[in-house]
Amino acid sequence: MRSVVAIGAVLLLGGAVAGCAQPAPAGPSRGLVSATTRASTHGGVVDDQVSLVDNLRQRTVTVEVGGAVEQPFLSVNGTQLRLSGAGLASPATIESYEYDTAAAATQDAEQIDPNGDPWTSKIAWVAPPHFYRAQRLIVLYVGADAGMRLLAGLLGPPFAGR
């Protein structure tokens, strides 16, 4: 009788542990790390890089996480995200800059004029820049693909750019 109880306890414990386990993220986002530890949102409001990637993937956008990027007029380093699918004319790259606080993101956003240039200098962009902001996140897209209006659907209209 003890062996039956012991086996039952082991199976029950194993089932409980398996039920708590979270599957590994699919695709190349395995290296994606948020500035704060939080669960994947699987949609919902965009307020950081993880929720941005989740929302893009829910809209059937393929997201490949690239390397670190920086803009001299922003106070944090960002991450390159390569987007494809979901009505985009061709793969596009965006830069995602995640801040510790929304106030810090706002402070950096205020350093960018309405045309998408830092107030202190003029940049020779290779294509029109578009800056979006949501909570702790600033996203930069440089290009003219009409399919990228999906960013405005997730983040609101650009706060700067051409």
C-alpha atoms as a PDB file:
ATOM      1  CA  MET A   1       0.000   0.000   0.000  1.00  0.00           C
ATOM      2  CA  ARG A   2       2.875   2.415   0.806  1.00  0.00           C
ATOM      3  CA  SER A   3       4.344   1.924  -2.668  1.00  0.00           C
ATOM      4  CA  VAL A   4       1.020   2.792  -4.287  1.00  0.00           C
ATOM      5  CA  VAL A   5       0.786   5.971  -2.177  1.00  0.00           C
ATOM      6  CA  ALA A   6       4.418   6.834  -2.940  1.00  0.00           C
ATOM      7  CA  ILE A   7       3.905   6.332  -6.678  1.00  0.00           C
ATOM      8  CA  GLY A   8       0.748   8.431  -6.548  1.00  0.00           C
ATOM      9  CA  ALA A   9       2.599  11.217  -4.705  1.00  0.00           C
ATOM     10  CA  VAL A  10       5.438  11.169  -7.244  1.00  0.00           C
ATOM     11  CA  LEU A  11       2.971  11.333 -10.160  1.00  0.00           C
ATOM     12  CA  LEU A  12       1.022  14.136  -8.490  1.00  0.00           C
ATOM     13  CA  LEU A  13       4.214  16.111  -7.796  1.00  0.00           C
ATOM     14  CA  GLY A  14       5.445  15.538 -11.355  1.00  0.00           C
ATOM     15  CA  GLY A  15       2.126  16.761 -12.766  1.00  0.00           C
ATOM     16  CA  ALA A  16       2.223  19.859 -10.573  1.00  0.00           C
ATOM     17  CA  VAL A  17       5.762  20.715 -11.645  1.00  0.00           C
ATOM     18  CA  ALA A  18       4.936  20.152 -15.324  1.00  0.00           C
ATOM     19  CA  GLY A  19       1.852  22.351 -14.985  1.00  0.00           C
ATOM     20  CA  CYS A  20       3.980  25.203 -13.626  1.00  0.00           C
ATOM     21  CA  ALA A  21       6.642  24.962 -16.293  1.00  0.00           C
ATOM     22  CA  GLN A  22       6.601  27.621 -18.994  1.00  0.00           C
ATOM     23  CA  PRO A  23       7.534  26.677 -22.527  1.00  0.00           C
ATOM     24  CA  ALA A  24      10.649  28.237 -24.006  1.00  0.00           C
ATOM     25  CA  PRO A  25       9.863  31.160 -26.288  1.00  0.00           C
ATOM     26  CA  ALA A  26       9.636  30.233 -29.936  1.00  0.00           C
ATOM     27  CA  GLY A  27      11.966  31.671 -32.493  1.00  0.00           C
ATOM     28  CA  PRO A  28      14.943  33.932 -32.137  1.00  0.00           C
ATOM     29  CA  SER A  29      13.648  35.945 -29.167  1.00  0.00           C
ATOM     30  CA  ARG A  30      15.217  33.557 -26.666  1.00  0.00           C
ATOM     31  CA  GLY A  31      17.950  36.119 -25.996  1.00  0.00           C
ATOM     32  CA  LEU A  32      15.447  38.951 -25.494  1.00  0.00           C
ATOM     33  CA  VAL A  33      15.763  40.328 -21.983  1.00  0.00           C
ATOM     34  CA  SER A  34      13.665  43.074 -20.514  1.00  0.00           C
ATOM     35  CA  ALA A  35      15.179  45.715 -18.231  1.00  0.00           C
ATOM     36  CA  THR A  36      12.893  44.356 -15.537  1.00  0.00           C
ATOM     37  CA  THR A  37      11.864  40.773 -14.950  1.00  0.00           C
ATOM     38  CA  ARG A  38       8.297  40.216 -16.102  1.00  0.00           C
ATOM     39  CA  ALA A  39       6.214  37.572 -17.719  1.00  0.00           C
ATOM     40  CA  SER A  40       5.578  37.595 -21.433  1.00  0.00           C
ATOM     41  CA  THR A  41       2.396  39.542 -22.121  1.00  0.00           C
ATOM     42  CA  HIS A  42       1.080  37.621 -25.135  1.00  0.00           C
ATOM     43  CA  GLY A  43      -0.625  40.791 -26.260  1.00  0.00           C
ATOM     44  CA  GLY A  44      -2.168  43.584 -24.271  1.00  0.00           C
ATOM     45  CA  VAL A  45      -0.799  47.072 -23.808  1.00  0.00           C
ATOM     46  CA  VAL A  46       2.682  47.754 -25.156  1.00  0.00           C
ATOM     47  CA  ASP A  47       4.890  49.202 -22.428  1.00  0.00           C
ATOM     48  CA  ASP A  48       8.253  47.481 -22.947  1.00  0.00           C
ATOM     49  CA  GLN A  49      10.162  45.445 -25.506  1.00  0.00           C
ATOM     50  CA  VAL A  50       8.703  42.082 -24.507  1.00  0.00           C
ATOM     51  CA  SER A  51       5.131  43.331 -24.927  1.00  0.00           C
ATOM     52  CA  LEU A  52       6.060  44.970 -28.246  1.00  0.00           C
ATOM     53  CA  VAL A  53       7.446  41.692 -29.626  1.00  0.00           C
ATOM     54  CA  ASP A  54       4.437  39.760 -28.309  1.00  0.00           C
ATOM     55  CA  ASN A  55       1.992  42.178 -29.931  1.00  0.00           C
ATOM     56  CA  LEU A  56       3.852  42.125 -33.246  1.00  0.00           C
ATOM     57  CA  ARG A  57       3.838  38.322 -33.291  1.00  0.00           C
ATOM     58  CA  GLN A  58       0.113  38.286 -32.529  1.00  0.00           C
ATOM     59  CA  ARG A  59      -0.328  40.298 -35.718  1.00  0.00           C
ATOM     60  CA  THR A  60       1.585  37.586 -37.650  1.00  0.00           C
ATOM     61  CA  VAL A  61       4.745  39.665 -37.905  1.00  0.00           C
ATOM     62  CA  THR A  62       7.909  37.582 -37.867  1.00  0.00           C
ATOM     63  CA  VAL A  63      10.319  39.199 -35.390  1.00  0.00           C
ATOM     64  CA  GLU A  64      14.028  38.426 -35.350  1.00  0.00           C
ATOM     65  CA  VAL A  65      15.948  39.935 -32.438  1.00  0.00           C
ATOM     66  CA  GLY A  66      19.262  41.398 -33.542  1.00  0.00           C
ATOM     67  CA  GLY A  67      22.151  43.024 -31.778  1.00  0.00           C
ATOM     68  CA  ALA A  68      22.521  46.120 -29.676  1.00  0.00           C
ATOM     69  CA  VAL A  69      22.189  49.549 -31.287  1.00  0.00           C
ATOM     70  CA  GLU A  70      22.653  53.070 -30.075  1.00  0.00           C
ATOM     71  CA  GLN A  71      21.748  56.580 -31.052  1.00  0.00           C
ATOM     72  CA  PRO A  72      24.013  59.307 -29.642  1.00  0.00           C
ATOM     73  CA  PHE A  73      21.039  61.426 -28.581  1.00  0.00           C
ATOM     74  CA  LEU A  74      19.368  58.637 -26.548  1.00  0.00           C
ATOM     75  CA  SER A  75      20.595  57.750 -23.061  1.00  0.00           C
ATOM     76  CA  VAL A  76      20.122  53.958 -23.329  1.00  0.00           C
ATOM     77  CA  ASN A  77      21.235  51.327 -25.806  1.00  0.00           C
ATOM     78  CA  GLY A  78      18.576  49.659 -27.886  1.00  0.00           C
ATOM     79  CA  THR A  79      17.933  46.396 -29.662  1.00  0.00           C
ATOM     80  CA  GLN A  80      17.519  45.882 -33.381  1.00  0.00           C
ATOM     81  CA  LEU A  81      14.348  44.015 -34.363  1.00  0.00           C
ATOM     82  CA  ARG A  82      13.941  42.725 -37.929  1.00  0.00           C
ATOM     83  CA  LEU A  83      10.300  42.498 -38.983  1.00  0.00           C
ATOM     84  CA  SER A  84       8.761  40.644 -41.916  1.00  0.00           C
ATOM     85  CA  GLY A  85       5.388  39.340 -43.021  1.00  0.00           C
ATOM     86  CA  ALA A  86       1.991  40.819 -42.088  1.00  0.00           C
ATOM     87  CA  GLY A  87       1.687  43.080 -45.127  1.00  0.00           C
ATOM     88  CA  LEU A  88       5.186  44.550 -45.075  1.00  0.00           C
ATOM     89  CA  ALA A  89       6.516  45.182 -48.597  1.00  0.00           C
ATOM     90  CA  SER A  90       9.913  43.827 -47.535  1.00  0.00           C
ATOM     91  CA  PRO A  91      11.689  43.018 -44.267  1.00  0.00           C
ATOM     92  CA  ALA A  92      12.186  46.131 -42.147  1.00  0.00           C
ATOM     93  CA  THR A  93      14.399  46.915 -39.201  1.00  0.00           C
ATOM     94  CA  ILE A  94      13.308  48.908 -36.175  1.00  0.00           C
ATOM     95  CA  GLU A  95      15.263  49.954 -33.104  1.00  0.00           C
ATOM     96  CA  SER A  96      13.671  49.433 -29.697  1.00  0.00           C
ATOM     97  CA  TYR A  97      14.952  51.467 -26.728  1.00  0.00           C
ATOM     98  CA  GLU A  98      13.667  50.342 -23.333  1.00  0.00           C
ATOM     99  CA  TYR A  99      13.998  52.618 -20.299  1.00  0.00           C
ATOM    100  CA  ASP A 100      13.764  51.890 -16.587  1.00  0.00           C
ATOM    101  CA  THR A 101      10.919  54.395 -16.216  1.00  0.00           C
ATOM    102  CA  ALA A 102       8.388  56.146 -18.429  1.00  0.00           C
ATOM    103  CA  ALA A 103       9.784  59.464 -17.175  1.00  0.00           C
ATOM    104  CA  ALA A 104      13.246  58.583 -18.520  1.00  0.00           C
ATOM    105  CA  ALA A 105      11.742  57.698 -21.918  1.00  0.00           C
ATOM    106  CA  THR A 106       9.833  60.994 -21.929  1.00  0.00           C
ATOM    107  CA  GLN A 107      13.009  62.904 -21.119  1.00  0.00           C
ATOM    108  CA  ASP A 108      14.831  61.376 -24.097  1.00  0.00           C
ATOM    109  CA  ALA A 109      11.789  61.860 -26.372  1.00  0.00           C
ATOM    110  CA  GLU A 110      11.905  65.572 -25.558  1.00  0.00           C
ATOM    111  CA  GLN A 111      15.433  65.684 -27.051  1.00  0.00           C
ATOM    112  CA  ILE A 112      13.986  64.958 -30.526  1.00  0.00           C
ATOM    113  CA  ASP A 113      12.421  67.706 -32.651  1.00  0.00           C
ATOM    114  CA  PRO A 114       9.181  67.147 -34.624  1.00  0.00           C
ATOM    115  CA  ASN A 115      11.189  66.293 -37.789  1.00  0.00           C
ATOM    116  CA  GLY A 116      12.993  63.435 -36.041  1.00  0.00           C
ATOM    117  CA  ASP A 117      16.319  65.132 -35.430  1.00  0.00           C
ATOM    118  CA  PRO A 118      17.922  65.816 -32.068  1.00  0.00           C
ATOM    119  CA  TRP A 119      17.447  69.456 -31.066  1.00  0.00           C
ATOM    120  CA  THR A 120      21.255  69.800 -30.935  1.00  0.00           C
ATOM    121  CA  SER A 121      22.110  68.552 -34.439  1.00  0.00           C
ATOM    122  CA  LYS A 122      20.807  67.569 -37.861  1.00  0.00           C
ATOM    123  CA  ILE A 123      21.000  63.951 -39.026  1.00  0.00           C
ATOM    124  CA  ALA A 124      21.235  62.851 -42.663  1.00  0.00           C
ATOM    125  CA  TRP A 125      18.768  59.961 -42.394  1.00  0.00           C
ATOM    126  CA  VAL A 126      18.898  57.392 -45.241  1.00  0.00           C
ATOM    127  CA  ALA A 127      15.066  57.435 -45.272  1.00  0.00           C
ATOM    128  CA  PRO A 128      12.383  59.237 -43.261  1.00  0.00           C
ATOM    129  CA  PRO A 129      12.667  58.588 -39.499  1.00  0.00           C
ATOM    130  CA  HIS A 130       9.597  57.755 -37.432  1.00  0.00           C
ATOM    131  CA  PHE A 131       9.764  57.847 -33.621  1.00  0.00           C
ATOM    132  CA  TYR A 132       7.115  56.149 -31.497  1.00  0.00           C
ATOM    133  CA  ARG A 133       6.783  56.064 -27.730  1.00  0.00           C
ATOM    134  CA  ALA A 134       4.764  53.933 -25.341  1.00  0.00           C
ATOM    135  CA  GLN A 135       5.418  54.018 -21.601  1.00  0.00           C
ATOM    136  CA  ARG A 136       9.077  52.927 -21.126  1.00  0.00           C
ATOM    137  CA  LEU A 137       9.737  52.360 -24.815  1.00  0.00           C
ATOM    138  CA  ILE A 138      10.966  54.481 -27.725  1.00  0.00           C
ATOM    139  CA  VAL A 139      10.878  52.806 -31.134  1.00  0.00           C
ATOM    140  CA  LEU A 140      12.659  54.166 -34.207  1.00  0.00           C
ATOM    141  CA  TYR A 141      11.772  53.098 -37.741  1.00  0.00           C
ATOM    142  CA  VAL A 142      13.720  54.614 -40.627  1.00  0.00           C
ATOM    143  CA  GLY A 143      11.941  53.930 -43.898  1.00  0.00           C
ATOM    144  CA  ALA A 144       8.816  54.443 -45.956  1.00  0.00           C
ATOM    145  CA  ASP A 145       7.018  51.061 -46.000  1.00  0.00           C
ATOM    146  CA  ALA A 146       3.280  51.770 -45.662  1.00  0.00           C
ATOM    147  CA  GLY A 147       2.924  48.407 -43.914  1.00  0.00           C
ATOM    148  CA  MET A 148       4.822  49.827 -40.957  1.00  0.00           C
ATOM    149  CA  ARG A 149       1.680  51.743 -39.969  1.00  0.00           C
ATOM    150  CA  LEU A 150       1.160  48.687 -37.787  1.00  0.00           C
ATOM    151  CA  LEU A 151       3.528  50.425 -35.339  1.00  0.00           C
ATOM    152  CA  ALA A 152       1.059  53.306 -35.008  1.00  0.00           C
ATOM    153  CA  GLY A 153      -1.642  50.742 -34.270  1.00  0.00           C
ATOM    154  CA  LEU A 154       0.427  49.393 -31.374  1.00  0.00           C
ATOM    155  CA  LEU A 155       2.227  52.503 -30.114  1.00  0.00           C
ATOM    156  CA  GLY A 156       0.074  55.419 -31.262  1.00  0.00           C
ATOM    157  CA  PRO A 157       1.073  57.950 -33.904  1.00  0.00           C
ATOM    158  CA  PRO A 158       4.731  58.895 -34.212  1.00  0.00           C
ATOM    159  CA  PHE A 159       5.741  61.685 -31.852  1.00  0.00           C
ATOM    160  CA  ALA A 160       8.461  62.787 -34.282  1.00  0.00           C
ATOM    161  CA  GLY A 161       9.552  62.111 -37.825  1.00  0.00           C
ATOM    162  CA  ARG A 162       8.795  62.861 -41.422  1.00  0.00           C
END
